[in-house]
Amino acid sequence: MSIATKDWVLLPELIEAIYIAERTIYKHKKSGVFKAGEHFYRVGEGTVKGKCVYSLEQCKKALFDLSKRNKKKGETYKKKIINDL
């Protein structure tokens, strides 16, 4: 089954599907962009931390909403930097 057809994925699949760094995912969880029970759930028992399982569609929606709130535009570069690249 390909990533495009699965909704619930583990962290490595989420990183690959939405092109976001693992560290950024943890930052979004800490800041409340990704919320437990809505965007992910944790598998494990007792005090042992288990793996998180993420809803691909809910995470995408949360990132779109974050982009709307921040109204960020794409990066701009000087011509010299572009030529050097």
PDB file of N, CA and C in Angstrom:
ATOM      1  N   MET A   1       0.849  -1.175   0.000  1.00  0.00           N
ATOM      2  CA  MET A   1       0.000   0.000   0.000  1.00  0.00           C
ATOM      3  C   MET A   1       0.893   1.236   0.000  1.00  0.00           C
ATOM      4  N   SER A   2       0.629   2.168  -0.897  1.00  0.00           N
ATOM      5  CA  SER A   2       1.468   3.370  -0.974  1.00  0.00           C
ATOM      6  C   SER A   2       1.072   4.387   0.087  1.00  0.00           C
ATOM      7  N   ILE A   3       1.976   5.307   0.334  1.00  0.00           N
ATOM      8  CA  ILE A   3       1.743   6.343   1.339  1.00  0.00           C
ATOM      9  C   ILE A   3       0.525   7.184   0.979  1.00  0.00           C
ATOM     10  N   ALA A   4       0.303   7.413  -0.297  1.00  0.00           N
ATOM     11  CA  ALA A   4      -0.794   8.280  -0.740  1.00  0.00           C
ATOM     12  C   ALA A   4      -2.160   7.715  -0.361  1.00  0.00           C
ATOM     13  N   THR A   5      -2.274   6.401  -0.170  1.00  0.00           N
ATOM     14  CA  THR A   5      -3.574   5.811   0.121  1.00  0.00           C
ATOM     15  C   THR A   5      -3.763   5.506   1.597  1.00  0.00           C
ATOM     16  N   LYS A   6      -2.717   5.630   2.411  1.00  0.00           N
ATOM     17  CA  LYS A   6      -2.834   5.370   3.843  1.00  0.00           C
ATOM     18  C   LYS A   6      -3.077   6.668   4.591  1.00  0.00           C
ATOM     19  N   ASP A   7      -3.955   6.627   5.585  1.00  0.00           N
ATOM     20  CA  ASP A   7      -4.176   7.838   6.371  1.00  0.00           C
ATOM     21  C   ASP A   7      -3.347   7.820   7.646  1.00  0.00           C
ATOM     22  N   TRP A   8      -3.243   6.702   8.326  1.00  0.00           N
ATOM     23  CA  TRP A   8      -2.486   6.629   9.581  1.00  0.00           C
ATOM     24  C   TRP A   8      -1.110   6.059   9.299  1.00  0.00           C
ATOM     25  N   VAL A   9      -0.070   6.841   9.631  1.00  0.00           N
ATOM     26  CA  VAL A   9       1.301   6.468   9.300  1.00  0.00           C
ATOM     27  C   VAL A   9       2.216   6.681  10.503  1.00  0.00           C
ATOM     28  N   LEU A  10       3.356   6.023  10.465  1.00  0.00           N
ATOM     29  CA  LEU A  10       4.390   6.234  11.481  1.00  0.00           C
ATOM     30  C   LEU A  10       5.254   7.425  11.086  1.00  0.00           C
ATOM     31  N   LEU A  11       6.095   7.867  11.997  1.00  0.00           N
ATOM     32  CA  LEU A  11       6.906   9.062  11.803  1.00  0.00           C
ATOM     33  C   LEU A  11       7.720   9.062  10.503  1.00  0.00           C
ATOM     34  N   PRO A  12       8.455   7.996  10.178  1.00  0.00           N
ATOM     35  CA  PRO A  12       9.248   8.043   8.936  1.00  0.00           C
ATOM     36  C   PRO A  12       8.387   8.258   7.684  1.00  0.00           C
ATOM     37  N   GLU A  13       7.201   7.651   7.675  1.00  0.00           N
ATOM     38  CA  GLU A  13       6.308   7.822   6.525  1.00  0.00           C
ATOM     39  C   GLU A  13       5.737   9.233   6.479  1.00  0.00           C
ATOM     40  N   LEU A  14       5.451   9.819   7.647  1.00  0.00           N
ATOM     41  CA  LEU A  14       4.952  11.192   7.706  1.00  0.00           C
ATOM     42  C   LEU A  14       5.999  12.159   7.173  1.00  0.00           C
ATOM     43  N   ILE A  15       7.242  11.976   7.605  1.00  0.00           N
ATOM     44  CA  ILE A  15       8.344  12.830   7.147  1.00  0.00           C
ATOM     45  C   ILE A  15       8.455  12.778   5.624  1.00  0.00           C
ATOM     46  N   GLU A  16       8.385  11.587   5.076  1.00  0.00           N
ATOM     47  CA  GLU A  16       8.504  11.410   3.628  1.00  0.00           C
ATOM     48  C   GLU A  16       7.309  12.006   2.884  1.00  0.00           C
ATOM     49  N   ALA A  17       6.123  11.865   3.446  1.00  0.00           N
ATOM     50  CA  ALA A  17       4.911  12.287   2.755  1.00  0.00           C
ATOM     51  C   ALA A  17       4.709  13.795   2.742  1.00  0.00           C
ATOM     52  N   ILE A  18       5.076  14.480   3.832  1.00  0.00           N
ATOM     53  CA  ILE A  18       4.803  15.921   3.880  1.00  0.00           C
ATOM     54  C   ILE A  18       6.072  16.771   3.800  1.00  0.00           C
ATOM     55  N   TYR A  19       7.215  16.133   3.540  1.00  0.00           N
ATOM     56  CA  TYR A  19       8.479  16.846   3.322  1.00  0.00           C
ATOM     57  C   TYR A  19       8.789  17.811   4.465  1.00  0.00           C
ATOM     58  N   ILE A  20       8.802  17.296   5.679  1.00  0.00           N
ATOM     59  CA  ILE A  20       9.063  18.120   6.849  1.00  0.00           C
ATOM     60  C   ILE A  20      10.080  17.386   7.719  1.00  0.00           C
ATOM     61  N   ALA A  21      10.923  18.121   8.390  1.00  0.00           N
ATOM     62  CA  ALA A  21      11.964  17.522   9.220  1.00  0.00           C
ATOM     63  C   ALA A  21      11.373  16.935  10.501  1.00  0.00           C
ATOM     64  N   GLU A  22      12.002  15.898  11.007  1.00  0.00           N
ATOM     65  CA  GLU A  22      11.554  15.263  12.237  1.00  0.00           C
ATOM     66  C   GLU A  22      11.525  16.269  13.392  1.00  0.00           C
ATOM     67  N   ARG A  23      12.541  17.086  13.470  1.00  0.00           N
ATOM     68  CA  ARG A  23      12.616  18.094  14.529  1.00  0.00           C
ATOM     69  C   ARG A  23      11.419  19.058  14.457  1.00  0.00           C
ATOM     70  N   THR A  24      11.021  19.426  13.252  1.00  0.00           N
ATOM     71  CA  THR A  24       9.892  20.334  13.071  1.00  0.00           C
ATOM     72  C   THR A  24       8.595  19.685  13.534  1.00  0.00           C
ATOM     73  N   ILE A  25       8.454  18.400  13.314  1.00  0.00           N
ATOM     74  CA  ILE A  25       7.262  17.687  13.785  1.00  0.00           C
ATOM     75  C   ILE A  25       7.188  17.747  15.299  1.00  0.00           C
ATOM     76  N   TYR A  26       8.318  17.526  15.966  1.00  0.00           N
ATOM     77  CA  TYR A  26       8.337  17.599  17.431  1.00  0.00           C
ATOM     78  C   TYR A  26       8.026  19.014  17.914  1.00  0.00           C
ATOM     79  N   LYS A  27       8.520  20.022  17.201  1.00  0.00           N
ATOM     80  CA  LYS A  27       8.215  21.410  17.564  1.00  0.00           C
ATOM     81  C   LYS A  27       6.723  21.685  17.423  1.00  0.00           C
ATOM     82  N   HIS A  28       6.109  21.160  16.359  1.00  0.00           N
ATOM     83  CA  HIS A  28       4.671  21.359  16.154  1.00  0.00           C
ATOM     84  C   HIS A  28       3.845  20.637  17.220  1.00  0.00           C
ATOM     85  N   LYS A  29       4.320  19.495  17.672  1.00  0.00           N
ATOM     86  CA  LYS A  29       3.620  18.795  18.758  1.00  0.00           C
ATOM     87  C   LYS A  29       3.713  19.605  20.044  1.00  0.00           C
ATOM     88  N   LYS A  30       4.885  20.149  20.327  1.00  0.00           N
ATOM     89  CA  LYS A  30       5.081  20.918  21.552  1.00  0.00           C
ATOM     90  C   LYS A  30       4.278  22.216  21.546  1.00  0.00           C
ATOM     91  N   SER A  31       4.178  22.852  20.389  1.00  0.00           N
ATOM     92  CA  SER A  31       3.476  24.135  20.295  1.00  0.00           C
ATOM     93  C   SER A  31       1.963  23.984  20.126  1.00  0.00           C
ATOM     94  N   GLY A  32       1.493  22.756  19.928  1.00  0.00           N
ATOM     95  CA  GLY A  32       0.047  22.527  19.823  1.00  0.00           C
ATOM     96  C   GLY A  32      -0.504  22.537  18.415  1.00  0.00           C
ATOM     97  N   VAL A  33       0.355  22.622  17.411  1.00  0.00           N
ATOM     98  CA  VAL A  33      -0.118  22.529  16.028  1.00  0.00           C
ATOM     99  C   VAL A  33      -0.627  21.116  15.769  1.00  0.00           C
ATOM    100  N   PHE A  34       0.134  20.120  16.210  1.00  0.00           N
ATOM    101  CA  PHE A  34      -0.299  18.722  16.149  1.00  0.00           C
ATOM    102  C   PHE A  34      -0.764  18.329  17.545  1.00  0.00           C
ATOM    103  N   LYS A  35      -2.030  17.966  17.679  1.00  0.00           N
ATOM    104  CA  LYS A  35      -2.619  17.670  18.980  1.00  0.00           C
ATOM    105  C   LYS A  35      -2.913  16.179  19.117  1.00  0.00           C
ATOM    106  N   ALA A  36      -2.607  15.651  20.304  1.00  0.00           N
ATOM    107  CA  ALA A  36      -2.890  14.247  20.591  1.00  0.00           C
ATOM    108  C   ALA A  36      -4.391  14.009  20.510  1.00  0.00           C
ATOM    109  N   GLY A  37      -4.779  12.903  19.914  1.00  0.00           N
ATOM    110  CA  GLY A  37      -6.188  12.560  19.775  1.00  0.00           C
ATOM    111  C   GLY A  37      -6.832  13.142  18.536  1.00  0.00           C
ATOM    112  N   GLU A  38      -6.167  14.108  17.928  1.00  0.00           N
ATOM    113  CA  GLU A  38      -6.678  14.710  16.700  1.00  0.00           C
ATOM    114  C   GLU A  38      -5.732  14.455  15.530  1.00  0.00           C
ATOM    115  N   HIS A  39      -4.459  14.714  15.743  1.00  0.00           N
ATOM    116  CA  HIS A  39      -3.466  14.551  14.685  1.00  0.00           C
ATOM    117  C   HIS A  39      -2.617  13.300  14.861  1.00  0.00           C
ATOM    118  N   PHE A  40      -2.544  12.799  16.081  1.00  0.00           N
ATOM    119  CA  PHE A  40      -1.759  11.593  16.337  1.00  0.00           C
ATOM    120  C   PHE A  40      -2.267  10.910  17.607  1.00  0.00           C
ATOM    121  N   TYR A  41      -1.896   9.641  17.748  1.00  0.00           N
ATOM    122  CA  TYR A  41      -2.117   8.923  19.000  1.00  0.00           C
ATOM    123  C   TYR A  41      -0.873   8.108  19.295  1.00  0.00           C
ATOM    124  N   ARG A  42      -0.689   7.784  20.558  1.00  0.00           N
ATOM    125  CA  ARG A  42       0.499   7.061  20.991  1.00  0.00           C
ATOM    126  C   ARG A  42       0.122   5.613  21.302  1.00  0.00           C
ATOM    127  N   VAL A  43       0.950   4.686  20.827  1.00  0.00           N
ATOM    128  CA  VAL A  43       0.753   3.266  21.077  1.00  0.00           C
ATOM    129  C   VAL A  43       1.752   2.845  22.138  1.00  0.00           C
ATOM    130  N   GLY A  44       1.283   2.329  23.247  1.00  0.00           N
ATOM    131  CA  GLY A  44       2.161   1.903  24.323  1.00  0.00           C
ATOM    132  C   GLY A  44       1.368   1.711  25.598  1.00  0.00           C
ATOM    133  N   GLU A  45       1.981   1.094  26.573  1.00  0.00           N
ATOM    134  CA  GLU A  45       1.300   0.810  27.826  1.00  0.00           C
ATOM    135  C   GLU A  45       2.061   1.410  28.996  1.00  0.00           C
ATOM    136  N   GLY A  46       1.325   1.860  29.997  1.00  0.00           N
ATOM    137  CA  GLY A  46       1.919   2.333  31.238  1.00  0.00           C
ATOM    138  C   GLY A  46       2.880   3.481  31.044  1.00  0.00           C
ATOM    139  N   THR A  47       4.004   3.385  31.723  1.00  0.00           N
ATOM    140  CA  THR A  47       4.990   4.464  31.672  1.00  0.00           C
ATOM    141  C   THR A  47       5.944   4.331  30.490  1.00  0.00           C
ATOM    142  N   VAL A  48       5.833   3.232  29.750  1.00  0.00           N
ATOM    143  CA  VAL A  48       6.698   3.028  28.592  1.00  0.00           C
ATOM    144  C   VAL A  48       6.139   3.834  27.426  1.00  0.00           C
ATOM    145  N   LYS A  49       6.959   4.754  26.895  1.00  0.00           N
ATOM    146  CA  LYS A  49       6.515   5.545  25.755  1.00  0.00           C
ATOM    147  C   LYS A  49       6.490   4.679  24.517  1.00  0.00           C
ATOM    148  N   GLY A  50       5.384   4.735  23.826  1.00  0.00           N
ATOM    149  CA  GLY A  50       5.259   3.972  22.590  1.00  0.00           C
ATOM    150  C   GLY A  50       5.460   4.864  21.381  1.00  0.00           C
ATOM    151  N   LYS A  51       5.248   4.298  20.222  1.00  0.00           N
ATOM    152  CA  LYS A  51       5.363   5.046  18.975  1.00  0.00           C
ATOM    153  C   LYS A  51       4.119   5.894  18.774  1.00  0.00           C
ATOM    154  N   CYS A  52       4.301   6.995  18.097  1.00  0.00           N
ATOM    155  CA  CYS A  52       3.165   7.825  17.712  1.00  0.00           C
ATOM    156  C   CYS A  52       2.725   7.417  16.312  1.00  0.00           C
ATOM    157  N   VAL A  53       1.419   7.379  16.118  1.00  0.00           N
ATOM    158  CA  VAL A  53       0.827   7.100  14.821  1.00  0.00           C
ATOM    159  C   VAL A  53       0.096   8.373  14.411  1.00  0.00           C
ATOM    160  N   TYR A  54       0.403   8.879  13.221  1.00  0.00           N
ATOM    161  CA  TYR A  54      -0.077  10.180  12.775  1.00  0.00           C
ATOM    162  C   TYR A  54      -1.135  10.054  11.684  1.00  0.00           C
ATOM    163  N   SER A  55      -2.121  10.936  11.729  1.00  0.00           N
ATOM    164  CA  SER A  55      -3.097  11.038  10.654  1.00  0.00           C
ATOM    165  C   SER A  55      -2.507  11.953   9.586  1.00  0.00           C
ATOM    166  N   LEU A  56      -2.214  11.390   8.453  1.00  0.00           N
ATOM    167  CA  LEU A  56      -1.585  12.141   7.373  1.00  0.00           C
ATOM    168  C   LEU A  56      -2.461  13.313   6.945  1.00  0.00           C
ATOM    169  N   GLU A  57      -3.732  13.084   6.760  1.00  0.00           N
ATOM    170  CA  GLU A  57      -4.641  14.140   6.308  1.00  0.00           C
ATOM    171  C   GLU A  57      -4.800  15.235   7.358  1.00  0.00           C
ATOM    172  N   GLN A  58      -4.931  14.861   8.623  1.00  0.00           N
ATOM    173  CA  GLN A  58      -5.091  15.866   9.683  1.00  0.00           C
ATOM    174  C   GLN A  58      -3.823  16.700   9.844  1.00  0.00           C
ATOM    175  N   CYS A  59      -2.660  16.066   9.712  1.00  0.00           N
ATOM    176  CA  CYS A  59      -1.394  16.801   9.817  1.00  0.00           C
ATOM    177  C   CYS A  59      -1.239  17.781   8.656  1.00  0.00           C
ATOM    178  N   LYS A  60      -1.613  17.348   7.450  1.00  0.00           N
ATOM    179  CA  LYS A  60      -1.559  18.247   6.296  1.00  0.00           C
ATOM    180  C   LYS A  60      -2.482  19.447   6.516  1.00  0.00           C
ATOM    181  N   LYS A  61      -3.682  19.176   6.986  1.00  0.00           N
ATOM    182  CA  LYS A  61      -4.647  20.245   7.236  1.00  0.00           C
ATOM    183  C   LYS A  61      -4.106  21.225   8.284  1.00  0.00           C
ATOM    184  N   ALA A  62      -3.504  20.710   9.346  1.00  0.00           N
ATOM    185  CA  ALA A  62      -2.944  21.568  10.393  1.00  0.00           C
ATOM    186  C   ALA A  62      -1.839  22.457   9.831  1.00  0.00           C
ATOM    187  N   LEU A  63      -1.007  21.912   8.932  1.00  0.00           N
ATOM    188  CA  LEU A  63       0.064  22.717   8.337  1.00  0.00           C
ATOM    189  C   LEU A  63      -0.492  23.779   7.398  1.00  0.00           C
ATOM    190  N   PHE A  64      -1.548  23.448   6.644  1.00  0.00           N
ATOM    191  CA  PHE A  64      -2.188  24.445   5.787  1.00  0.00           C
ATOM    192  C   PHE A  64      -2.779  25.567   6.629  1.00  0.00           C
ATOM    193  N   ASP A  65      -3.444  25.204   7.716  1.00  0.00           N
ATOM    194  CA  ASP A  65      -4.029  26.203   8.603  1.00  0.00           C
ATOM    195  C   ASP A  65      -2.941  27.084   9.227  1.00  0.00           C
ATOM    196  N   LEU A  66      -1.839  26.481   9.609  1.00  0.00           N
ATOM    197  CA  LEU A  66      -0.714  27.243  10.165  1.00  0.00           C
ATOM    198  C   LEU A  66      -0.172  28.233   9.141  1.00  0.00           C
ATOM    199  N   SER A  67      -0.056  27.798   7.902  1.00  0.00           N
ATOM    200  CA  SER A  67       0.427  28.674   6.838  1.00  0.00           C
ATOM    201  C   SER A  67      -0.525  29.851   6.624  1.00  0.00           C
ATOM    202  N   LYS A  68      -1.815  29.581   6.672  1.00  0.00           N
ATOM    203  CA  LYS A  68      -2.805  30.658   6.520  1.00  0.00           C
ATOM    204  C   LYS A  68      -2.680  31.674   7.643  1.00  0.00           C
ATOM    205  N   ARG A  69      -2.546  31.176   8.872  1.00  0.00           N
ATOM    206  CA  ARG A  69      -2.427  32.074  10.027  1.00  0.00           C
ATOM    207  C   ARG A  69      -1.173  32.923   9.952  1.00  0.00           C
ATOM    208  N   ASN A  70      -0.084  32.316   9.530  1.00  0.00           N
ATOM    209  CA  ASN A  70       1.199  33.034   9.478  1.00  0.00           C
ATOM    210  C   ASN A  70       1.336  33.886   8.228  1.00  0.00           C
ATOM    211  N   LYS A  71       0.546  33.572   7.214  1.00  0.00           N
ATOM    212  CA  LYS A  71       0.577  34.289   5.932  1.00  0.00           C
ATOM    213  C   LYS A  71       1.991  34.445   5.414  1.00  0.00           C
ATOM    214  N   LYS A  72       2.743  33.357   5.483  1.00  0.00           N
ATOM    215  CA  LYS A  72       4.129  33.406   5.012  1.00  0.00           C
ATOM    216  C   LYS A  72       4.160  33.276   3.499  1.00  0.00           C
ATOM    217  N   LYS A  73       5.053  34.051   2.909  1.00  0.00           N
ATOM    218  CA  LYS A  73       5.281  33.960   1.480  1.00  0.00           C
ATOM    219  C   LYS A  73       6.548  33.153   1.266  1.00  0.00           C
ATOM    220  N   GLY A  74       6.792  32.768   0.047  1.00  0.00           N
ATOM    221  CA  GLY A  74       7.994  32.022  -0.268  1.00  0.00           C
ATOM    222  C   GLY A  74       9.245  32.857  -0.033  1.00  0.00           C
ATOM    223  N   GLU A  75      10.358  32.185   0.076  1.00  0.00           N
ATOM    224  CA  GLU A  75      11.630  32.862   0.278  1.00  0.00           C
ATOM    225  C   GLU A  75      12.022  33.625  -0.984  1.00  0.00           C
ATOM    226  N   THR A  76      12.683  34.742  -0.799  1.00  0.00           N
ATOM    227  CA  THR A  76      13.227  35.495  -1.933  1.00  0.00           C
ATOM    228  C   THR A  76      14.738  35.567  -1.778  1.00  0.00           C
ATOM    229  N   TYR A  77      15.420  35.518  -2.895  1.00  0.00           N
ATOM    230  CA  TYR A  77      16.872  35.536  -2.900  1.00  0.00           C
ATOM    231  C   TYR A  77      17.371  36.603  -3.866  1.00  0.00           C
ATOM    232  N   LYS A  78      18.545  37.139  -3.574  1.00  0.00           N
ATOM    233  CA  LYS A  78      19.181  38.087  -4.469  1.00  0.00           C
ATOM    234  C   LYS A  78      19.678  37.334  -5.697  1.00  0.00           C
ATOM    235  N   LYS A  79      19.783  38.052  -6.829  1.00  0.00           N
ATOM    236  CA  LYS A  79      20.217  37.428  -8.080  1.00  0.00           C
ATOM    237  C   LYS A  79      21.588  36.780  -7.943  1.00  0.00           C
ATOM    238  N   LYS A  80      22.489  37.418  -7.184  1.00  0.00           N
ATOM    239  CA  LYS A  80      23.843  36.869  -7.020  1.00  0.00           C
ATOM    240  C   LYS A  80      23.787  35.491  -6.351  1.00  0.00           C
ATOM    241  N   ILE A  81      22.951  35.351  -5.353  1.00  0.00           N
ATOM    242  CA  ILE A  81      22.828  34.062  -4.655  1.00  0.00           C
ATOM    243  C   ILE A  81      22.266  33.006  -5.599  1.00  0.00           C
ATOM    244  N   ILE A  82      21.271  33.377  -6.380  1.00  0.00           N
ATOM    245  CA  ILE A  82      20.666  32.433  -7.329  1.00  0.00           C
ATOM    246  C   ILE A  82      21.701  31.985  -8.353  1.00  0.00           C
ATOM    247  N   ASN A  83      22.510  32.936  -8.868  1.00  0.00           N
ATOM    248  CA  ASN A  83      23.549  32.596  -9.834  1.00  0.00           C
ATOM    249  C   ASN A  83      24.592  31.668  -9.216  1.00  0.00           C
ATOM    250  N   ASP A  84      24.926  31.895  -7.945  1.00  0.00           N
ATOM    251  CA  ASP A  84      25.904  31.033  -7.266  1.00  0.00           C
ATOM    252  C   ASP A  84      25.364  29.621  -7.096  1.00  0.00           C
ATOM    253  N   LEU A  85      24.055  29.497  -6.893  1.00  0.00           N
ATOM    254  CA  LEU A  85      23.470  28.168  -6.737  1.00  0.00           C
ATOM    255  C   LEU A  85      23.488  27.438  -8.044  1.00  0.00           C
TER     256      LEU A  85
END
